Amino acid sequence: MLILACDTTSEAGGVGIYRDEECLALIASDGPANRYAVSLFQLLDRALEEAKTQFGAPLRGLADIELIAVATGPGSFTGIRVGLAAAQAWARAFRLPAQGVSVLEALALASEAETAWAVPLLDAHRGEFYAGFFPVELQSGTHAAGLESRAAEGWILRPTELCPLFARCLPPGAEGTCVARECDRAALALRESLSGSFRWKTVPGTLVGAVARLGLRNYLSRAPQPTGDLDACYIRRPDAELYWKG
């Protein structure tokens, strides 16, 4: 199955073309997240061309894509909206299925953690962090792709709130691995305060490959997701919504 995967939730996003789990093209973003309204379409054109040139993929354009996988957040409010709007438009125009993927879940999957739980952490700015909990299933000694969130979307927390939450959410005696992007200095700076209870893993900044894998898994294992049901996972409400007086 030919998959278009895109992540516009941060400056570490990008666009990729995959044949099932084989990467045919991956074009990483090289600008800020608030520029995706322009750069996303440039990234798409470059990815389609690379897939055709390097791998001879039978791609004349989006009409030949079979599935769209899009990151839904958390992350940049502007970037999330651009990515979801584009995915919905492409899906409707070309009658393609589309699957939304949590960035926290993609981060957990990319880590291939060897403990019972993966705990992805993302800088939410304002001195806060996004956090999620995902059980890691081990089957026949290999890392399974199946990850199911302990919470529907995750949490947004201050550093002092992380350890108490971990104590409440993780089963007694369970080992966890904190996961952060290698470009996320704020999340990595938590390592010293959390090192006593958790292992740590860093993953490359671009999560497009994990978005593609999760999108395919969800598409094959669940009922098709209506395009109109693609929804942003902000966790923290946008300022425009918080301060709107109506």
Protein backbone atom coordinates (compact mmCIF):
# COMPACT_ATOMS: atom_id res chain seq x y z
CA MET A 1 0.00 0.00 0.00
CA LEU A 2 1.35 3.43 -0.95
CA ILE A 3 1.14 5.80 2.01
CA LEU A 4 1.56 9.56 2.19
CA ALA A 5 2.65 10.50 5.74
CA CYS A 6 2.99 14.04 6.97
CA ASP A 7 3.85 15.69 10.27
CA THR A 8 3.37 19.45 10.52
CA THR A 9 3.18 19.63 14.31
CA SER A 10 6.71 21.03 14.79
CA GLU A 11 9.71 22.33 12.90
CA ALA A 12 11.05 18.74 12.99
CA GLY A 13 8.24 17.52 10.73
CA GLY A 14 8.17 16.61 7.07
CA VAL A 15 6.53 14.50 4.37
CA GLY A 16 7.23 10.91 3.38
CA ILE A 17 6.06 8.34 0.85
CA TYR A 18 6.04 4.70 2.00
CA ARG A 19 5.25 1.36 0.43
CA ASP A 20 3.84 -0.35 3.51
CA GLU A 21 6.81 0.16 5.90
CA GLU A 22 9.42 0.73 3.20
CA CYS A 23 10.47 4.36 2.90
CA LEU A 24 10.44 5.56 -0.71
CA ALA A 25 11.00 9.23 0.06
CA LEU A 26 11.41 11.36 3.17
CA ILE A 27 11.69 15.15 2.94
CA ALA A 28 12.30 16.78 6.30
CA SER A 29 11.14 20.30 7.03
CA ASP A 30 13.85 22.94 7.23
CA GLY A 31 11.77 25.84 8.51
CA PRO A 32 9.51 26.86 11.40
CA ALA A 33 6.15 25.19 11.97
CA ASN A 34 4.22 28.35 11.14
CA ARG A 35 5.40 28.15 7.50
CA TYR A 36 3.72 24.85 6.63
CA ALA A 37 0.88 26.68 4.88
CA VAL A 38 3.42 27.24 2.10
CA SER A 39 6.15 24.65 2.64
CA LEU A 40 3.90 21.58 3.06
CA PHE A 41 2.97 21.57 -0.62
CA GLN A 42 6.59 22.05 -1.64
CA LEU A 43 7.59 19.12 0.59
CA LEU A 44 4.85 17.00 -0.97
CA ASP A 45 6.02 17.74 -4.53
CA ARG A 46 9.62 16.88 -3.62
CA ALA A 47 8.59 13.63 -1.91
CA LEU A 48 6.48 12.48 -4.87
CA GLU A 49 9.30 13.27 -7.29
CA GLU A 50 11.92 11.51 -5.16
CA ALA A 51 9.77 8.38 -4.83
CA LYS A 52 9.37 8.23 -8.61
CA THR A 53 13.01 8.99 -9.41
CA GLN A 54 14.79 6.90 -6.79
CA PHE A 55 12.48 3.89 -6.56
CA GLY A 56 10.47 3.99 -9.75
CA ALA A 57 7.28 4.11 -7.70
CA PRO A 58 4.16 4.17 -9.91
CA LEU A 59 3.24 7.68 -8.81
CA ARG A 60 1.70 10.19 -11.16
CA GLY A 61 0.53 12.22 -8.19
CA LEU A 62 -1.78 12.05 -5.19
CA ALA A 63 -4.32 10.04 -7.16
CA ASP A 64 -1.99 7.03 -6.87
CA ILE A 65 -1.63 7.28 -3.09
CA GLU A 66 -3.71 4.69 -1.23
CA LEU A 67 -3.64 6.03 2.35
CA ILE A 68 -2.90 9.34 4.05
CA ALA A 69 -1.44 9.29 7.58
CA VAL A 70 -1.29 12.67 9.31
CA ALA A 71 0.06 13.71 12.71
CA THR A 72 -2.70 15.29 14.80
CA GLY A 73 -0.61 16.76 17.63
CA PRO A 74 0.17 17.84 20.21
CA GLY A 75 2.42 20.60 18.94
CA SER A 76 2.18 23.84 17.02
CA PHE A 77 -1.44 24.98 16.79
CA THR A 78 -0.88 26.53 13.35
CA GLY A 79 1.06 23.54 12.06
CA ILE A 80 -1.55 21.05 13.27
CA ARG A 81 -4.38 22.95 11.59
CA VAL A 82 -2.49 23.19 8.30
CA GLY A 83 -1.67 19.48 8.26
CA LEU A 84 -5.19 18.35 9.09
CA ALA A 85 -6.81 20.74 6.61
CA ALA A 86 -4.50 19.55 3.83
CA ALA A 87 -5.05 15.86 4.66
CA GLN A 88 -8.82 16.32 4.68
CA ALA A 89 -8.76 18.20 1.38
CA TRP A 90 -6.56 15.61 -0.33
CA ALA A 91 -8.62 12.73 1.04
CA ARG A 92 -11.87 14.23 -0.21
CA ALA A 93 -10.52 15.35 -3.56
CA PHE A 94 -8.96 11.97 -4.40
CA ARG A 95 -11.35 9.79 -2.37
CA LEU A 96 -8.58 8.44 -0.17
CA PRO A 97 -8.76 7.01 3.37
CA ALA A 98 -6.99 9.10 6.00
CA GLN A 99 -5.80 8.21 9.49
CA GLY A 100 -4.87 10.61 12.26
CA VAL A 101 -1.88 9.70 14.44
CA SER A 102 -0.88 11.06 17.85
CA VAL A 103 2.63 12.53 17.97
CA LEU A 104 3.04 11.05 21.45
CA GLU A 105 2.19 7.58 20.16
CA ALA A 106 4.53 8.03 17.19
CA LEU A 107 7.30 9.06 19.58
CA ALA A 108 6.67 5.97 21.72
CA LEU A 109 6.70 3.66 18.71
CA ALA A 110 9.89 5.19 17.30
CA SER A 111 11.69 4.57 20.59
CA GLU A 112 11.40 0.75 20.44
CA ALA A 113 11.61 0.86 24.21
CA GLU A 114 12.66 -2.37 25.94
CA THR A 115 10.74 -1.71 29.15
CA ALA A 116 7.08 -2.43 29.86
CA TRP A 117 6.11 1.20 29.30
CA ALA A 118 7.18 4.01 27.00
CA VAL A 119 6.71 7.55 28.34
CA PRO A 120 7.07 10.13 25.55
CA LEU A 121 7.81 13.71 26.59
CA LEU A 122 7.50 16.83 24.45
CA ASP A 123 8.30 20.45 25.23
CA ALA A 124 4.98 22.32 25.41
CA HIS A 125 6.73 25.64 26.16
CA ARG A 126 5.61 27.97 28.98
CA GLY A 127 7.52 25.67 31.34
CA GLU A 128 5.20 22.72 30.62
CA PHE A 129 5.53 19.33 28.94
CA TYR A 130 3.24 16.97 27.05
CA ALA A 131 3.41 13.42 28.39
CA GLY A 132 1.82 10.09 27.49
CA PHE A 133 1.95 6.46 28.65
CA PHE A 134 2.07 3.54 26.24
CA PRO A 135 2.45 -0.15 27.14
CA VAL A 136 5.08 -1.88 25.02
CA GLU A 137 4.13 -5.39 23.99
CA LEU A 138 6.96 -7.89 23.55
CA GLN A 139 6.21 -10.88 21.37
CA SER A 140 8.77 -13.62 20.69
CA GLY A 141 11.55 -11.38 21.91
CA THR A 142 10.86 -8.62 19.39
CA HIS A 143 9.31 -5.21 19.77
CA ALA A 144 5.69 -5.31 18.71
CA ALA A 145 4.14 -2.43 16.79
CA GLY A 146 1.08 -2.42 19.02
CA LEU A 147 0.96 0.50 21.42
CA GLU A 148 -2.18 1.60 23.20
CA SER A 149 -2.32 4.85 25.13
CA ARG A 150 -3.15 4.76 28.83
CA ALA A 151 -4.89 8.10 28.30
CA ALA A 152 -6.89 9.11 25.25
CA GLU A 153 -4.66 12.07 24.43
CA GLY A 154 -2.07 12.58 27.15
CA TRP A 155 -1.36 15.25 29.70
CA ILE A 156 0.21 18.68 29.90
CA LEU A 157 2.26 19.09 33.07
CA ARG A 158 4.88 21.14 34.86
CA PRO A 159 8.13 19.33 35.72
CA THR A 160 7.15 19.00 39.40
CA GLU A 161 3.96 17.19 38.38
CA LEU A 162 5.64 14.50 36.29
CA CYS A 163 6.88 12.17 39.04
CA PRO A 164 3.57 12.17 40.96
CA LEU A 165 1.72 11.37 37.72
CA PHE A 166 4.14 8.56 36.91
CA ALA A 167 3.59 7.10 40.38
CA ARG A 168 -0.19 7.16 39.87
CA CYS A 169 -0.28 5.80 36.34
CA LEU A 170 2.40 3.13 36.16
CA PRO A 171 1.67 -0.27 37.68
CA PRO A 172 3.71 -1.06 40.83
CA GLY A 173 7.19 -2.25 39.92
CA ALA A 174 6.73 -1.51 36.20
CA GLU A 175 9.76 -0.18 34.35
CA GLY A 176 9.39 2.78 32.05
CA THR A 177 11.48 4.50 29.41
CA CYS A 178 11.24 8.25 28.99
CA VAL A 179 11.47 9.14 25.31
CA ALA A 180 12.43 12.51 23.85
CA ARG A 181 13.44 13.81 20.45
CA GLU A 182 17.13 14.53 20.11
CA CYS A 183 16.28 18.10 19.12
CA ASP A 184 14.05 18.69 22.17
CA ARG A 185 16.49 20.25 24.61
CA ALA A 186 13.83 21.11 27.19
CA ALA A 187 12.57 17.52 27.40
CA LEU A 188 16.11 16.14 27.52
CA ALA A 189 16.92 18.51 30.38
CA LEU A 190 14.42 16.57 32.52
CA ARG A 191 16.70 13.56 32.45
CA GLU A 192 18.58 14.52 35.59
CA SER A 193 15.45 14.90 37.74
CA LEU A 194 13.80 11.71 36.40
CA SER A 195 16.83 9.48 35.99
CA GLY A 196 16.30 7.54 39.22
CA SER A 197 13.02 5.97 38.12
CA PHE A 198 13.30 5.64 34.35
CA ARG A 199 15.55 4.68 31.52
CA TRP A 200 15.95 7.22 28.74
CA LYS A 201 16.01 7.01 24.95
CA THR A 202 16.35 9.71 22.35
CA VAL A 203 14.97 9.41 18.83
CA PRO A 204 15.56 11.44 15.67
CA GLY A 205 13.46 14.59 15.44
CA THR A 206 11.47 13.56 12.37
CA LEU A 207 8.69 11.10 13.23
CA VAL A 208 7.21 10.76 9.75
CA GLY A 209 8.14 7.07 9.50
CA ALA A 210 6.38 6.24 12.78
CA VAL A 211 3.34 8.25 11.62
CA ALA A 212 3.21 6.13 8.46
CA ARG A 213 3.52 2.84 10.40
CA LEU A 214 0.80 3.78 12.87
CA GLY A 215 -1.48 5.09 10.14
CA LEU A 216 -1.18 1.80 8.27
CA ARG A 217 -1.67 -0.27 11.43
CA ASN A 218 -4.76 1.69 12.41
CA TYR A 219 -6.21 1.48 8.92
CA LEU A 220 -5.78 -2.30 8.76
CA SER A 221 -7.00 -3.02 12.30
CA ARG A 222 -9.90 -0.63 12.76
CA ALA A 223 -13.01 0.53 11.00
CA PRO A 224 -12.20 3.22 8.40
CA GLN A 225 -11.95 6.69 9.93
CA PRO A 226 -14.29 9.16 8.20
CA THR A 227 -12.33 12.11 6.83
CA GLY A 228 -14.51 14.51 8.79
CA ASP A 229 -13.50 12.76 12.03
CA LEU A 230 -9.85 13.80 11.74
CA ASP A 231 -9.38 16.02 14.76
CA ALA A 232 -6.57 17.96 16.35
CA CYS A 233 -4.97 16.70 19.56
CA TYR A 234 -3.99 20.00 21.16
CA ILE A 235 -4.18 18.86 24.82
CA ARG A 236 -3.75 22.53 25.75
CA ARG A 237 -6.52 24.70 24.34
CA PRO A 238 -5.42 27.48 21.96
CA ASP A 239 -5.22 31.02 23.37
CA ALA A 240 -7.82 32.16 20.85
CA GLU A 241 -10.28 29.71 22.38
CA LEU A 242 -9.29 30.39 25.97
CA TYR A 243 -9.72 34.15 25.69
CA TRP A 244 -12.61 34.32 23.23
CA LYS A 245 -15.45 36.22 24.87
CA GLY A 246 -18.07 35.37 22.26
